[in-house]
Amino acid sequence: MEFEEYLVQKKIDAVAFKKTDNVRFTEWNELFKTMHPDSFTAQKKFLINDIRRRYLVTDATSNKETPGDARD
């Protein structure tokens, strides 16, 4: 699983998160590569909730097609 996919599952707008807080996004992305998603969630649980509140996926952002979503 890629970090961006994980963020979508957590209802976090990856594009807005990366654009606004690139340092944290990059740090978390690198950390995510080294551990299981459940372990990452357990370690960052309260921080993830804060990030979700800031960068919540809205209907407009969830309707955008992301690379890899096209399955024709």
PDB file of N, CA and C in Angstrom:
ATOM      1  N   MET A   1       0.842  -1.171   0.000  1.00  0.00           N
ATOM      2  CA  MET A   1       0.000   0.000   0.000  1.00  0.00           C
ATOM      3  C   MET A   1       0.892   1.241   0.000  1.00  0.00           C
ATOM      4  N   GLU A   2       0.528   2.183  -0.817  1.00  0.00           N
ATOM      5  CA  GLU A   2       1.251   3.453  -0.889  1.00  0.00           C
ATOM      6  C   GLU A   2       0.690   4.422   0.160  1.00  0.00           C
ATOM      7  N   PHE A   3       1.492   5.386   0.542  1.00  0.00           N
ATOM      8  CA  PHE A   3       1.102   6.353   1.554  1.00  0.00           C
ATOM      9  C   PHE A   3      -0.133   7.149   1.117  1.00  0.00           C
ATOM     10  N   GLU A   4      -0.202   7.522  -0.156  1.00  0.00           N
ATOM     11  CA  GLU A   4      -1.355   8.281  -0.646  1.00  0.00           C
ATOM     12  C   GLU A   4      -2.635   7.462  -0.534  1.00  0.00           C
ATOM     13  N   GLU A   5      -2.559   6.160  -0.808  1.00  0.00           N
ATOM     14  CA  GLU A   5      -3.722   5.283  -0.660  1.00  0.00           C
ATOM     15  C   GLU A   5      -4.161   5.224   0.799  1.00  0.00           C
ATOM     16  N   TYR A   6      -3.201   5.150   1.673  1.00  0.00           N
ATOM     17  CA  TYR A   6      -3.481   5.125   3.107  1.00  0.00           C
ATOM     18  C   TYR A   6      -4.218   6.404   3.521  1.00  0.00           C
ATOM     19  N   LEU A   7      -3.754   7.538   3.032  1.00  0.00           N
ATOM     20  CA  LEU A   7      -4.395   8.805   3.372  1.00  0.00           C
ATOM     21  C   LEU A   7      -5.837   8.842   2.881  1.00  0.00           C
ATOM     22  N   VAL A   8      -6.091   8.308   1.695  1.00  0.00           N
ATOM     23  CA  VAL A   8      -7.457   8.257   1.172  1.00  0.00           C
ATOM     24  C   VAL A   8      -8.335   7.420   2.096  1.00  0.00           C
ATOM     25  N   GLN A   9      -7.809   6.280   2.560  1.00  0.00           N
ATOM     26  CA  GLN A   9      -8.567   5.442   3.494  1.00  0.00           C
ATOM     27  C   GLN A   9      -8.882   6.186   4.783  1.00  0.00           C
ATOM     28  N   LYS A  10      -7.995   7.060   5.187  1.00  0.00           N
ATOM     29  CA  LYS A  10      -8.182   7.836   6.413  1.00  0.00           C
ATOM     30  C   LYS A  10      -8.943   9.136   6.156  1.00  0.00           C
ATOM     31  N   LYS A  11      -9.440   9.306   4.935  1.00  0.00           N
ATOM     32  CA  LYS A  11     -10.207  10.491   4.534  1.00  0.00           C
ATOM     33  C   LYS A  11      -9.409  11.781   4.662  1.00  0.00           C
ATOM     34  N   ILE A  12      -8.137  11.690   4.266  1.00  0.00           N
ATOM     35  CA  ILE A  12      -7.240  12.850   4.282  1.00  0.00           C
ATOM     36  C   ILE A  12      -6.901  13.209   2.841  1.00  0.00           C
ATOM     37  N   ASP A  13      -7.039  14.472   2.499  1.00  0.00           N
ATOM     38  CA  ASP A  13      -6.715  14.960   1.162  1.00  0.00           C
ATOM     39  C   ASP A  13      -5.191  15.044   1.033  1.00  0.00           C
ATOM     40  N   ALA A  14      -4.615  14.060   0.346  1.00  0.00           N
ATOM     41  CA  ALA A  14      -3.159  13.958   0.220  1.00  0.00           C
ATOM     42  C   ALA A  14      -2.555  15.167  -0.487  1.00  0.00           C
ATOM     43  N   VAL A  15      -3.230  15.673  -1.501  1.00  0.00           N
ATOM     44  CA  VAL A  15      -2.705  16.807  -2.268  1.00  0.00           C
ATOM     45  C   VAL A  15      -2.613  18.050  -1.383  1.00  0.00           C
ATOM     46  N   ALA A  16      -3.678  18.341  -0.651  1.00  0.00           N
ATOM     47  CA  ALA A  16      -3.684  19.517   0.226  1.00  0.00           C
ATOM     48  C   ALA A  16      -2.671  19.352   1.357  1.00  0.00           C
ATOM     49  N   PHE A  17      -2.583  18.151   1.900  1.00  0.00           N
ATOM     50  CA  PHE A  17      -1.630  17.866   2.977  1.00  0.00           C
ATOM     51  C   PHE A  17      -0.208  18.086   2.494  1.00  0.00           C
ATOM     52  N   LYS A  18       0.116  17.536   1.329  1.00  0.00           N
ATOM     53  CA  LYS A  18       1.476  17.673   0.789  1.00  0.00           C
ATOM     54  C   LYS A  18       1.803  19.129   0.465  1.00  0.00           C
ATOM     55  N   LYS A  19       0.838  19.821  -0.105  1.00  0.00           N
ATOM     56  CA  LYS A  19       1.063  21.213  -0.509  1.00  0.00           C
ATOM     57  C   LYS A  19       1.256  22.138   0.704  1.00  0.00           C
ATOM     58  N   THR A  20       0.474  21.931   1.729  1.00  0.00           N
ATOM     59  CA  THR A  20       0.481  22.826   2.878  1.00  0.00           C
ATOM     60  C   THR A  20       1.532  22.470   3.921  1.00  0.00           C
ATOM     61  N   ASP A  21       1.748  21.178   4.134  1.00  0.00           N
ATOM     62  CA  ASP A  21       2.674  20.732   5.184  1.00  0.00           C
ATOM     63  C   ASP A  21       3.626  19.686   4.606  1.00  0.00           C
ATOM     64  N   ASN A  22       4.421  20.105   3.634  1.00  0.00           N
ATOM     65  CA  ASN A  22       5.280  19.186   2.895  1.00  0.00           C
ATOM     66  C   ASN A  22       6.314  18.490   3.774  1.00  0.00           C
ATOM     67  N   VAL A  23       6.824  19.178   4.779  1.00  0.00           N
ATOM     68  CA  VAL A  23       7.837  18.584   5.655  1.00  0.00           C
ATOM     69  C   VAL A  23       7.251  17.381   6.400  1.00  0.00           C
ATOM     70  N   ARG A  24       6.088  17.558   7.013  1.00  0.00           N
ATOM     71  CA  ARG A  24       5.451  16.449   7.734  1.00  0.00           C
ATOM     72  C   ARG A  24       5.026  15.350   6.771  1.00  0.00           C
ATOM     73  N   PHE A  25       4.486  15.740   5.609  1.00  0.00           N
ATOM     74  CA  PHE A  25       4.062  14.748   4.618  1.00  0.00           C
ATOM     75  C   PHE A  25       5.242  13.862   4.215  1.00  0.00           C
ATOM     76  N   THR A  26       6.369  14.473   3.917  1.00  0.00           N
ATOM     77  CA  THR A  26       7.561  13.731   3.508  1.00  0.00           C
ATOM     78  C   THR A  26       8.072  12.843   4.639  1.00  0.00           C
ATOM     79  N   GLU A  27       8.103  13.373   5.837  1.00  0.00           N
ATOM     80  CA  GLU A  27       8.545  12.598   7.003  1.00  0.00           C
ATOM     81  C   GLU A  27       7.648  11.380   7.208  1.00  0.00           C
ATOM     82  N   TRP A  28       6.342  11.585   7.168  1.00  0.00           N
ATOM     83  CA  TRP A  28       5.405  10.473   7.357  1.00  0.00           C
ATOM     84  C   TRP A  28       5.491   9.475   6.216  1.00  0.00           C
ATOM     85  N   ASN A  29       5.665   9.962   5.004  1.00  0.00           N
ATOM     86  CA  ASN A  29       5.774   9.072   3.846  1.00  0.00           C
ATOM     87  C   ASN A  29       6.975   8.141   4.000  1.00  0.00           C
ATOM     88  N   GLU A  30       8.098   8.677   4.399  1.00  0.00           N
ATOM     89  CA  GLU A  30       9.298   7.858   4.596  1.00  0.00           C
ATOM     90  C   GLU A  30       9.109   6.868   5.748  1.00  0.00           C
ATOM     91  N   LEU A  31       8.502   7.303   6.818  1.00  0.00           N
ATOM     92  CA  LEU A  31       8.237   6.423   7.949  1.00  0.00           C
ATOM     93  C   LEU A  31       7.247   5.326   7.567  1.00  0.00           C
ATOM     94  N   PHE A  32       6.234   5.683   6.801  1.00  0.00           N
ATOM     95  CA  PHE A  32       5.206   4.724   6.376  1.00  0.00           C
ATOM     96  C   PHE A  32       5.821   3.572   5.581  1.00  0.00           C
ATOM     97  N   LYS A  33       6.848   3.874   4.798  1.00  0.00           N
ATOM     98  CA  LYS A  33       7.514   2.845   3.992  1.00  0.00           C
ATOM     99  C   LYS A  33       8.202   1.786   4.855  1.00  0.00           C
ATOM    100  N   THR A  34       8.509   2.127   6.103  1.00  0.00           N
ATOM    101  CA  THR A  34       9.266   1.219   6.958  1.00  0.00           C
ATOM    102  C   THR A  34       8.407   0.380   7.892  1.00  0.00           C
ATOM    103  N   MET A  35       7.092   0.607   7.917  1.00  0.00           N
ATOM    104  CA  MET A  35       6.259  -0.120   8.878  1.00  0.00           C
ATOM    105  C   MET A  35       4.909  -0.510   8.295  1.00  0.00           C
ATOM    106  N   HIS A  36       4.240  -1.390   8.976  1.00  0.00           N
ATOM    107  CA  HIS A  36       2.904  -1.844   8.593  1.00  0.00           C
ATOM    108  C   HIS A  36       1.920  -0.689   8.817  1.00  0.00           C
ATOM    109  N   PRO A  37       0.906  -0.566   7.953  1.00  0.00           N
ATOM    110  CA  PRO A  37      -0.077   0.518   8.126  1.00  0.00           C
ATOM    111  C   PRO A  37      -0.730   0.545   9.509  1.00  0.00           C
ATOM    112  N   ASP A  38      -1.001  -0.629  10.090  1.00  0.00           N
ATOM    113  CA  ASP A  38      -1.609  -0.657  11.421  1.00  0.00           C
ATOM    114  C   ASP A  38      -0.664  -0.094  12.477  1.00  0.00           C
ATOM    115  N   SER A  39       0.613  -0.387  12.346  1.00  0.00           N
ATOM    116  CA  SER A  39       1.602   0.145  13.281  1.00  0.00           C
ATOM    117  C   SER A  39       1.732   1.654  13.127  1.00  0.00           C
ATOM    118  N   PHE A  40       1.703   2.117  11.879  1.00  0.00           N
ATOM    119  CA  PHE A  40       1.758   3.558  11.618  1.00  0.00           C
ATOM    120  C   PHE A  40       0.559   4.245  12.252  1.00  0.00           C
ATOM    121  N   THR A  41      -0.623   3.660  12.079  1.00  0.00           N
ATOM    122  CA  THR A  41      -1.845   4.227  12.657  1.00  0.00           C
ATOM    123  C   THR A  41      -1.745   4.284  14.178  1.00  0.00           C
ATOM    124  N   ALA A  42      -1.279   3.212  14.788  1.00  0.00           N
ATOM    125  CA  ALA A  42      -1.157   3.181  16.244  1.00  0.00           C
ATOM    126  C   ALA A  42      -0.179   4.249  16.735  1.00  0.00           C
ATOM    127  N   GLN A  43       0.914   4.438  16.005  1.00  0.00           N
ATOM    128  CA  GLN A  43       1.931   5.404  16.413  1.00  0.00           C
ATOM    129  C   GLN A  43       1.469   6.850  16.224  1.00  0.00           C
ATOM    130  N   LYS A  44       0.695   7.106  15.188  1.00  0.00           N
ATOM    131  CA  LYS A  44       0.319   8.480  14.833  1.00  0.00           C
ATOM    132  C   LYS A  44      -1.167   8.770  15.039  1.00  0.00           C
ATOM    133  N   LYS A  45      -1.869   7.938  15.805  1.00  0.00           N
ATOM    134  CA  LYS A  45      -3.319   8.007  15.916  1.00  0.00           C
ATOM    135  C   LYS A  45      -3.860   9.422  16.166  1.00  0.00           C
ATOM    136  N   PHE A  46      -3.387  10.073  17.193  1.00  0.00           N
ATOM    137  CA  PHE A  46      -3.922  11.395  17.525  1.00  0.00           C
ATOM    138  C   PHE A  46      -3.475  12.455  16.526  1.00  0.00           C
ATOM    139  N   LEU A  47      -2.290  12.302  15.974  1.00  0.00           N
ATOM    140  CA  LEU A  47      -1.831  13.237  14.948  1.00  0.00           C
ATOM    141  C   LEU A  47      -2.619  13.059  13.657  1.00  0.00           C
ATOM    142  N   ILE A  48      -2.963  11.827  13.320  1.00  0.00           N
ATOM    143  CA  ILE A  48      -3.772  11.561  12.124  1.00  0.00           C
ATOM    144  C   ILE A  48      -5.125  12.242  12.252  1.00  0.00           C
ATOM    145  N   ASN A  49      -5.727  12.178  13.427  1.00  0.00           N
ATOM    146  CA  ASN A  49      -7.020  12.841  13.627  1.00  0.00           C
ATOM    147  C   ASN A  49      -6.913  14.337  13.406  1.00  0.00           C
ATOM    148  N   ASP A  50      -5.837  14.943  13.889  1.00  0.00           N
ATOM    149  CA  ASP A  50      -5.623  16.379  13.691  1.00  0.00           C
ATOM    150  C   ASP A  50      -5.437  16.701  12.204  1.00  0.00           C
ATOM    151  N   ILE A  51      -4.638  15.892  11.512  1.00  0.00           N
ATOM    152  CA  ILE A  51      -4.413  16.106  10.077  1.00  0.00           C
ATOM    153  C   ILE A  51      -5.713  15.917   9.306  1.00  0.00           C
ATOM    154  N   ARG A  52      -6.521  14.932   9.687  1.00  0.00           N
ATOM    155  CA  ARG A  52      -7.809  14.708   9.013  1.00  0.00           C
ATOM    156  C   ARG A  52      -8.708  15.934   9.158  1.00  0.00           C
ATOM    157  N   ARG A  53      -8.711  16.532  10.336  1.00  0.00           N
ATOM    158  CA  ARG A  53      -9.540  17.730  10.534  1.00  0.00           C
ATOM    159  C   ARG A  53      -9.081  18.881   9.636  1.00  0.00           C
ATOM    160  N   ARG A  54      -7.770  18.999   9.438  1.00  0.00           N
ATOM    161  CA  ARG A  54      -7.237  20.075   8.597  1.00  0.00           C
ATOM    162  C   ARG A  54      -7.438  19.817   7.109  1.00  0.00           C
ATOM    163  N   TYR A  55      -7.283  18.555   6.690  1.00  0.00           N
ATOM    164  CA  TYR A  55      -7.265  18.221   5.255  1.00  0.00           C
ATOM    165  C   TYR A  55      -8.308  17.161   4.924  1.00  0.00           C
ATOM    166  N   LEU A  56      -9.505  17.325   5.441  1.00  0.00           N
ATOM    167  CA  LEU A  56     -10.582  16.367   5.219  1.00  0.00           C
ATOM    168  C   LEU A  56     -10.942  16.296   3.742  1.00  0.00           C
ATOM    169  N   VAL A  57     -11.091  15.084   3.258  1.00  0.00           N
ATOM    170  CA  VAL A  57     -11.512  14.888   1.870  1.00  0.00           C
ATOM    171  C   VAL A  57     -12.954  15.349   1.755  1.00  0.00           C
ATOM    172  N   THR A  58     -13.209  16.233   0.816  1.00  0.00           N
ATOM    173  CA  THR A  58     -14.569  16.698   0.559  1.00  0.00           C
ATOM    174  C   THR A  58     -15.103  15.996  -0.677  1.00  0.00           C
ATOM    175  N   ASP A  59     -16.364  16.196  -0.990  1.00  0.00           N
ATOM    176  CA  ASP A  59     -16.949  15.588  -2.187  1.00  0.00           C
ATOM    177  C   ASP A  59     -16.205  16.004  -3.445  1.00  0.00           C
ATOM    178  N   ALA A  60     -15.778  17.265  -3.492  1.00  0.00           N
ATOM    179  CA  ALA A  60     -15.064  17.761  -4.670  1.00  0.00           C
ATOM    180  C   ALA A  60     -13.724  17.063  -4.840  1.00  0.00           C
ATOM    181  N   THR A  61     -13.014  16.832  -3.739  1.00  0.00           N
ATOM    182  CA  THR A  61     -11.709  16.182  -3.853  1.00  0.00           C
ATOM    183  C   THR A  61     -11.843  14.680  -4.035  1.00  0.00           C
ATOM    184  N   SER A  62     -12.888  14.070  -3.487  1.00  0.00           N
ATOM    185  CA  SER A  62     -13.042  12.620  -3.625  1.00  0.00           C
ATOM    186  C   SER A  62     -13.520  12.234  -5.015  1.00  0.00           C
ATOM    187  N   ASN A  63     -14.114  13.175  -5.765  1.00  0.00           N
ATOM    188  CA  ASN A  63     -14.576  12.878  -7.111  1.00  0.00           C
ATOM    189  C   ASN A  63     -13.473  12.964  -8.147  1.00  0.00           C
ATOM    190  N   LYS A  64     -12.323  13.548  -7.766  1.00  0.00           N
ATOM    191  CA  LYS A  64     -11.189  13.615  -8.683  1.00  0.00           C
ATOM    192  C   LYS A  64     -10.643  12.221  -8.901  1.00  0.00           C
ATOM    193  N   GLU A  65     -10.299  11.922 -10.142  1.00  0.00           N
ATOM    194  CA  GLU A  65      -9.702  10.619 -10.425  1.00  0.00           C
ATOM    195  C   GLU A  65      -8.211  10.695 -10.147  1.00  0.00           C
ATOM    196  N   THR A  66      -7.750   9.802  -9.307  1.00  0.00           N
ATOM    197  CA  THR A  66      -6.334   9.763  -8.992  1.00  0.00           C
ATOM    198  C   THR A  66      -5.661   8.721  -9.856  1.00  0.00           C
ATOM    199  N   PRO A  67      -4.367   8.851 -10.113  1.00  0.00           N
ATOM    200  CA  PRO A  67      -3.658   7.857 -10.933  1.00  0.00           C
ATOM    201  C   PRO A  67      -3.843   6.463 -10.352  1.00  0.00           C
ATOM    202  N   GLY A  68      -4.179   5.530 -11.252  1.00  0.00           N
ATOM    203  CA  GLY A  68      -4.362   4.151 -10.839  1.00  0.00           C
ATOM    204  C   GLY A  68      -5.804   3.812 -10.554  1.00  0.00           C
ATOM    205  N   ASP A  69      -6.697   4.813 -10.558  1.00  0.00           N
ATOM    206  CA  ASP A  69      -8.103   4.543 -10.293  1.00  0.00           C
ATOM    207  C   ASP A  69      -8.861   4.075 -11.522  1.00  0.00           C
ATOM    208  N   ALA A  70      -8.357   4.397 -12.699  1.00  0.00           N
ATOM    209  CA  ALA A  70      -9.056   4.017 -13.927  1.00  0.00           C
ATOM    210  C   ALA A  70      -8.922   2.513 -14.127  1.00  0.00           C
ATOM    211  N   ARG A  71     -10.061   1.861 -14.112  1.00  0.00           N
ATOM    212  CA  ARG A  71     -10.072   0.405 -14.287  1.00  0.00           C
ATOM    213  C   ARG A  71     -11.078   0.047 -15.354  1.00  0.00           C
ATOM    214  N   ASP A  72     -10.719   0.286 -16.582  1.00  0.00           N
ATOM    215  CA  ASP A  72     -11.624   0.006 -17.708  1.00  0.00           C
ATOM    216  C   ASP A  72     -11.393  -1.378 -18.218  1.00  0.00           C
TER     217      ASP A  72
END
